[in-house]
Amino acid sequence: MEIPYTKMHGLGNSYIFLDLFHFSIEEEMLADLAVQAANVHTGIGSDGLILIHPTDNADVGMRIFNKDGSEGKNCGNGLRCVAKFAYENNLVNKPQFIIETKAGNVTAEVFHEGDKVEEVTIDMGVPDLLRQEIPMRGKDNGRVVGESFEISHHPLEVTAVSMGNPHAVFFVDKIEEAPLYELGPMITNDSRFPEGVNVEFVEIVSEKEMHFRVWERGSGVTQACGTGACAAVVASILNGYSQKNTETCVHLSGGDLFIKWAADDHVWMRGKAELTTQGTFYWKRKS
């Protein structure tokens, strides 16, 4: 089966995008397609698959599949790429528009020179902070801020935030010493998170700057995670390291994002999205 695709990345967090405004594919194919296309050895290679599709509820719709075939609800880097693709390919004809995700609708604004998008700002919405909203198991349903969290004999403190998908944020003194590869896969599958969780280690540099590393649920270590960067800034404010309504520079492995938790509780993300390649994927569907 010949599948036209576009590959894009946001700060190294790469996805394969299918334009379902001009192409169709059966629902039951999607999980297997995501796994095969994302394979760096026998496919295209990416952190997952994103569908850009028509919808009656917004200007454009987005669905995300991780490279293990599981479907996610939201993706900050993916949103910026979708916004760039939609504007540059005339799926929308205005610089500010609405994108539908499984976690709800978000507002995107593109900043362009001519017909080329240089930067994208996304209103990521209001974070969910109560335990059952993450979701995370526990005795109470309050906010999870600096809560004791021991795993594999490592005493940690976790702050939990949902940005439409769950995040467990841990603050460390030195980002280079963060046990990302050791504890990331353990935490993401820990029974305290019934739907799994994205795992972030964060080093605070100042009130307006932090270093960030991530183990993503369903994908493992990635170069960047937009919703994770948003969750990290929210967690930093909840723990008193940063101030609300102030833009923070988040240094990810793939580059920088600029995040602000505004006075109205909406989280704003600003950053770039880049086109990598376009072509045809010759997919051998499993029988």
Protein backbone atom coordinates (compact mmCIF):
# COMPACT_ATOMS: atom_id res chain seq x y z
CA MET A 1 0.00 0.00 0.00
CA GLU A 2 1.40 3.41 -0.98
CA ILE A 3 0.94 6.05 1.73
CA PRO A 4 1.92 9.69 1.12
CA TYR A 5 3.50 11.20 4.21
CA THR A 6 5.24 14.25 5.61
CA LYS A 7 7.84 13.99 8.36
CA MET A 8 8.22 16.98 10.70
CA HIS A 9 9.81 17.63 14.05
CA GLY A 10 9.48 20.02 16.95
CA LEU A 11 12.91 20.36 18.60
CA GLY A 12 13.85 16.84 17.53
CA ASN A 13 10.56 15.25 18.61
CA SER A 14 9.71 13.80 15.18
CA TYR A 15 6.44 12.47 13.81
CA ILE A 16 5.12 11.11 10.54
CA PHE A 17 2.07 13.10 9.42
CA LEU A 18 -0.75 11.85 7.21
CA ASP A 19 -2.96 14.43 5.51
CA LEU A 20 -6.43 12.89 5.74
CA PHE A 21 -7.93 15.90 3.97
CA HIS A 22 -6.51 14.34 0.79
CA PHE A 23 -6.02 10.68 1.73
CA SER A 24 -7.98 8.05 3.65
CA ILE A 25 -7.00 4.98 5.65
CA GLU A 26 -9.02 2.41 7.57
CA GLU A 27 -9.20 2.79 11.36
CA GLU A 28 -8.06 -0.76 12.08
CA MET A 29 -4.81 -0.15 10.19
CA LEU A 30 -3.60 2.79 12.27
CA ALA A 31 -1.89 1.13 15.25
CA ASP A 32 0.11 -1.29 13.10
CA LEU A 33 0.96 1.46 10.62
CA ALA A 34 2.31 3.63 13.45
CA VAL A 35 4.56 0.81 14.70
CA GLN A 36 5.92 -0.05 11.26
CA ALA A 37 6.36 3.51 10.00
CA ALA A 38 8.11 4.63 13.20
CA ASN A 39 10.66 1.80 13.03
CA VAL A 40 14.01 3.41 12.24
CA HIS A 41 15.38 0.22 10.65
CA THR A 42 12.53 -0.99 8.44
CA GLY A 43 10.24 2.05 8.27
CA ILE A 44 10.69 5.81 8.13
CA GLY A 45 11.75 6.32 11.74
CA SER A 46 10.00 8.65 14.17
CA ASP A 47 8.51 9.03 17.65
CA GLY A 48 5.09 8.16 16.26
CA LEU A 49 2.34 8.90 13.76
CA ILE A 50 0.01 11.91 13.65
CA LEU A 51 -3.17 12.19 11.58
CA ILE A 52 -4.30 15.61 10.32
CA HIS A 53 -8.00 15.22 9.59
CA PRO A 54 -11.22 17.12 8.87
CA THR A 55 -13.59 17.69 11.78
CA ASP A 56 -16.87 19.49 12.39
CA ASN A 57 -15.68 20.71 15.80
CA ALA A 58 -12.62 22.78 14.81
CA ASP A 59 -10.66 24.08 11.82
CA VAL A 60 -8.51 20.94 11.75
CA GLY A 61 -8.25 17.75 13.79
CA MET A 62 -5.23 15.85 15.14
CA ARG A 63 -4.80 12.26 16.38
CA ILE A 64 -1.54 10.92 17.83
CA PHE A 65 -0.22 7.36 17.83
CA ASN A 66 2.96 6.53 19.74
CA LYS A 67 5.59 4.32 18.16
CA ASP A 68 4.29 1.34 20.15
CA GLY A 69 0.88 1.74 18.48
CA SER A 70 -0.93 3.21 21.50
CA GLU A 71 -3.02 6.33 20.95
CA GLY A 72 -2.24 9.50 22.92
CA LYS A 73 -4.49 12.42 23.69
CA ASN A 74 -2.22 15.42 23.22
CA CYS A 75 1.25 16.39 21.96
CA GLY A 76 2.66 19.90 22.19
CA ASN A 77 5.39 19.45 19.58
CA GLY A 78 2.91 17.68 17.32
CA LEU A 79 0.47 20.56 17.66
CA ARG A 80 3.05 23.07 16.46
CA CYS A 81 3.84 20.86 13.47
CA VAL A 82 0.13 20.44 12.66
CA ALA A 83 -0.33 24.22 12.82
CA LYS A 84 2.59 24.78 10.45
CA PHE A 85 1.40 22.08 8.04
CA ALA A 86 -2.21 23.29 8.05
CA TYR A 87 -1.26 26.89 7.30
CA GLU A 88 1.43 26.19 4.71
CA ASN A 89 -0.79 23.66 2.86
CA ASN A 90 -3.87 25.88 2.85
CA LEU A 91 -5.97 23.67 5.11
CA VAL A 92 -6.66 26.92 6.97
CA ASN A 93 -6.51 30.46 5.60
CA LYS A 94 -5.98 32.49 8.77
CA PRO A 95 -3.05 32.77 11.19
CA GLN A 96 -5.13 31.92 14.27
CA PHE A 97 -7.28 28.79 14.26
CA ILE A 98 -8.57 25.86 16.33
CA ILE A 99 -7.09 22.35 16.43
CA GLU A 100 -9.13 19.46 17.83
CA THR A 101 -7.31 16.84 19.92
CA LYS A 102 -8.49 13.88 21.99
CA ALA A 103 -7.87 16.11 25.04
CA GLY A 104 -10.06 18.94 23.68
CA ASN A 105 -9.74 21.91 21.35
CA VAL A 106 -6.74 24.27 21.45
CA THR A 107 -6.00 27.61 19.82
CA ALA A 108 -2.96 27.89 17.56
CA GLU A 109 -1.39 31.04 16.16
CA VAL A 110 1.29 30.94 13.46
CA PHE A 111 3.86 33.66 12.86
CA HIS A 112 4.97 33.61 9.25
CA GLU A 113 7.08 35.29 6.62
CA GLY A 114 5.12 35.06 3.40
CA ASP A 115 3.64 31.57 3.26
CA LYS A 116 6.32 30.00 5.52
CA VAL A 117 5.62 29.55 9.22
CA GLU A 118 8.58 30.55 11.41
CA GLU A 119 7.12 30.05 14.90
CA VAL A 120 3.92 28.78 16.52
CA THR A 121 2.18 29.68 19.76
CA ILE A 122 -0.32 27.24 21.24
CA ASP A 123 -2.84 27.81 24.03
CA MET A 124 -2.44 24.46 25.77
CA GLY A 125 -5.42 25.09 28.04
CA VAL A 126 -5.80 24.75 31.80
CA PRO A 127 -3.75 22.03 33.53
CA ASP A 128 -5.50 19.34 35.56
CA LEU A 129 -3.97 19.10 39.03
CA LEU A 130 -6.18 16.86 41.16
CA ARG A 131 -5.00 13.30 41.74
CA GLN A 132 -7.94 11.63 39.99
CA GLU A 133 -7.49 13.96 36.99
CA ILE A 134 -3.89 12.85 36.37
CA PRO A 135 -4.88 10.00 37.09
CA MET A 136 -2.78 8.82 40.04
CA ARG A 137 -3.74 6.42 42.81
CA GLY A 138 -3.68 7.64 46.41
CA LYS A 139 -5.71 8.22 49.54
CA ASP A 140 -6.84 11.78 48.84
CA ASN A 141 -7.87 13.73 45.76
CA GLY A 142 -5.87 16.90 46.33
CA ARG A 143 -2.94 18.20 44.34
CA VAL A 144 0.18 16.04 44.15
CA VAL A 145 2.96 18.55 44.89
CA GLY A 146 6.35 17.40 46.19
CA GLU A 147 4.85 14.12 47.35
CA SER A 148 7.16 11.36 48.58
CA PHE A 149 7.66 8.78 45.82
CA GLU A 150 10.04 5.87 46.32
CA ILE A 151 10.85 3.49 43.52
CA SER A 152 13.60 0.87 43.29
CA HIS A 153 15.10 2.18 46.55
CA HIS A 154 15.31 5.72 45.14
CA PRO A 155 13.62 8.29 47.43
CA LEU A 156 12.08 10.92 45.14
CA GLU A 157 9.47 13.66 45.33
CA VAL A 158 6.87 13.87 42.58
CA THR A 159 4.62 16.65 41.34
CA ALA A 160 1.86 15.41 39.03
CA VAL A 161 0.26 17.49 36.27
CA SER A 162 -2.02 16.56 33.39
CA MET A 163 -1.91 18.59 30.18
CA GLY A 164 -4.46 16.31 28.55
CA ASN A 165 -1.91 13.54 29.18
CA PRO A 166 -0.30 12.62 32.52
CA HIS A 167 3.11 13.88 33.69
CA ALA A 168 5.23 13.04 36.72
CA VAL A 169 7.80 15.79 37.35
CA PHE A 170 10.90 15.27 39.49
CA PHE A 171 13.34 18.07 40.38
CA VAL A 172 17.06 17.26 40.43
CA ASP A 173 20.20 19.25 41.29
CA LYS A 174 22.05 18.35 38.08
CA ILE A 175 20.24 17.31 34.92
CA GLU A 176 23.27 15.32 33.72
CA GLU A 177 22.89 13.03 36.73
CA ALA A 178 19.13 12.48 36.39
CA PRO A 179 18.32 8.72 36.39
CA LEU A 180 16.28 9.00 33.20
CA TYR A 181 17.22 5.68 31.61
CA GLU A 182 17.21 3.79 34.90
CA LEU A 183 13.96 5.04 36.41
CA GLY A 184 12.04 6.38 33.40
CA PRO A 185 10.67 2.99 32.26
CA MET A 186 9.92 1.98 35.85
CA ILE A 187 7.98 5.12 36.69
CA THR A 188 6.03 5.22 33.42
CA ASN A 189 4.71 1.71 34.16
CA ASP A 190 4.32 2.13 37.93
CA SER A 191 0.96 0.90 39.27
CA ARG A 192 0.38 4.26 40.96
CA PHE A 193 -0.35 5.61 37.47
CA PRO A 194 -3.17 3.41 36.09
CA GLU A 195 -2.88 4.88 32.57
CA GLY A 196 0.91 5.15 32.60
CA VAL A 197 2.71 8.49 32.81
CA ASN A 198 5.27 10.67 31.07
CA VAL A 199 8.34 11.15 33.26
CA GLU A 200 10.23 14.46 33.47
CA PHE A 201 13.44 15.32 35.32
CA VAL A 202 14.00 19.05 35.74
CA GLU A 203 16.90 21.19 36.94
CA ILE A 204 15.95 24.73 37.96
CA VAL A 205 18.48 27.31 36.72
CA SER A 206 16.52 30.41 37.73
CA GLU A 207 12.93 31.63 38.01
CA LYS A 208 12.86 31.95 34.22
CA GLU A 209 15.05 29.06 33.07
CA MET A 210 15.23 25.27 33.51
CA HIS A 211 16.85 22.16 32.02
CA PHE A 212 14.54 19.28 31.09
CA ARG A 213 14.77 15.61 30.12
CA VAL A 214 11.88 13.25 29.39
CA TRP A 215 10.87 9.61 29.13
CA GLU A 216 7.61 9.58 27.17
CA ARG A 217 4.88 7.04 27.74
CA GLY A 218 4.80 4.74 24.71
CA SER A 219 7.94 6.20 23.12
CA GLY A 220 10.80 6.22 25.65
CA VAL A 221 13.46 8.94 25.66
CA THR A 222 12.70 11.71 23.16
CA GLN A 223 14.45 14.95 22.27
CA ALA A 224 11.52 17.07 23.37
CA CYS A 225 8.00 16.94 24.81
CA GLY A 226 5.81 20.01 24.54
CA THR A 227 3.15 18.97 27.04
CA GLY A 228 5.97 17.84 29.34
CA ALA A 229 7.63 21.26 29.17
CA CYS A 230 4.28 22.83 30.06
CA ALA A 231 3.85 20.42 32.97
CA ALA A 232 7.38 21.16 34.19
CA VAL A 233 6.73 24.90 34.33
CA VAL A 234 3.42 24.38 36.13
CA ALA A 235 5.17 22.04 38.59
CA SER A 236 7.94 24.59 39.12
CA ILE A 237 5.39 27.27 40.03
CA LEU A 238 3.49 24.91 42.34
CA ASN A 239 6.76 24.20 44.17
CA GLY A 240 7.69 27.88 44.45
CA TYR A 241 10.63 27.84 42.05
CA SER A 242 9.02 30.10 39.42
CA GLN A 243 6.30 32.73 39.16
CA LYS A 244 2.97 32.59 37.38
CA ASN A 245 2.35 34.83 34.35
CA THR A 246 6.09 34.89 33.53
CA GLU A 247 7.56 33.19 30.46
CA THR A 248 10.11 30.47 31.25
CA CYS A 249 12.77 29.15 28.87
CA VAL A 250 12.82 25.35 28.98
CA HIS A 251 16.05 23.81 27.64
CA LEU A 252 15.17 20.42 26.10
CA SER A 253 17.62 18.05 24.42
CA GLY A 254 16.38 19.22 21.01
CA GLY A 255 16.22 22.95 21.73
CA ASP A 256 14.26 25.57 23.66
CA LEU A 257 10.56 26.11 24.32
CA PHE A 258 9.05 29.17 25.99
CA ILE A 259 6.22 28.44 28.41
CA LYS A 260 3.95 30.72 30.43
CA TRP A 261 1.26 29.74 32.94
CA ALA A 262 -0.92 32.82 32.65
CA ALA A 263 -3.03 34.53 35.29
CA ASP A 264 -6.20 33.01 33.77
CA ASP A 265 -4.66 29.52 34.33
CA HIS A 266 -4.09 28.84 30.63
CA VAL A 267 -0.65 27.51 29.69
CA TRP A 268 0.96 29.03 26.59
CA MET A 269 3.71 27.34 24.58
CA ARG A 270 5.88 29.10 22.00
CA GLY A 271 8.39 27.39 19.71
CA LYS A 272 9.38 26.22 16.25
CA ALA A 273 8.36 23.35 13.99
CA GLU A 274 10.39 22.07 11.05
CA LEU A 275 9.73 20.09 7.88
CA THR A 276 12.10 17.13 7.46
CA THR A 277 10.97 15.22 4.39
CA GLN A 278 7.99 14.23 2.25
CA GLY A 279 7.47 11.08 0.25
CA THR A 280 5.68 7.76 -0.12
CA PHE A 281 5.80 4.96 2.44
CA TYR A 282 5.45 1.54 0.82
CA TRP A 283 3.65 -0.24 3.62
CA LYS A 284 3.24 -4.01 3.73
CA ARG A 285 0.09 -4.46 5.74
CA LYS A 286 0.04 -7.45 8.06
CA SER A 287 -2.48 -10.06 6.94
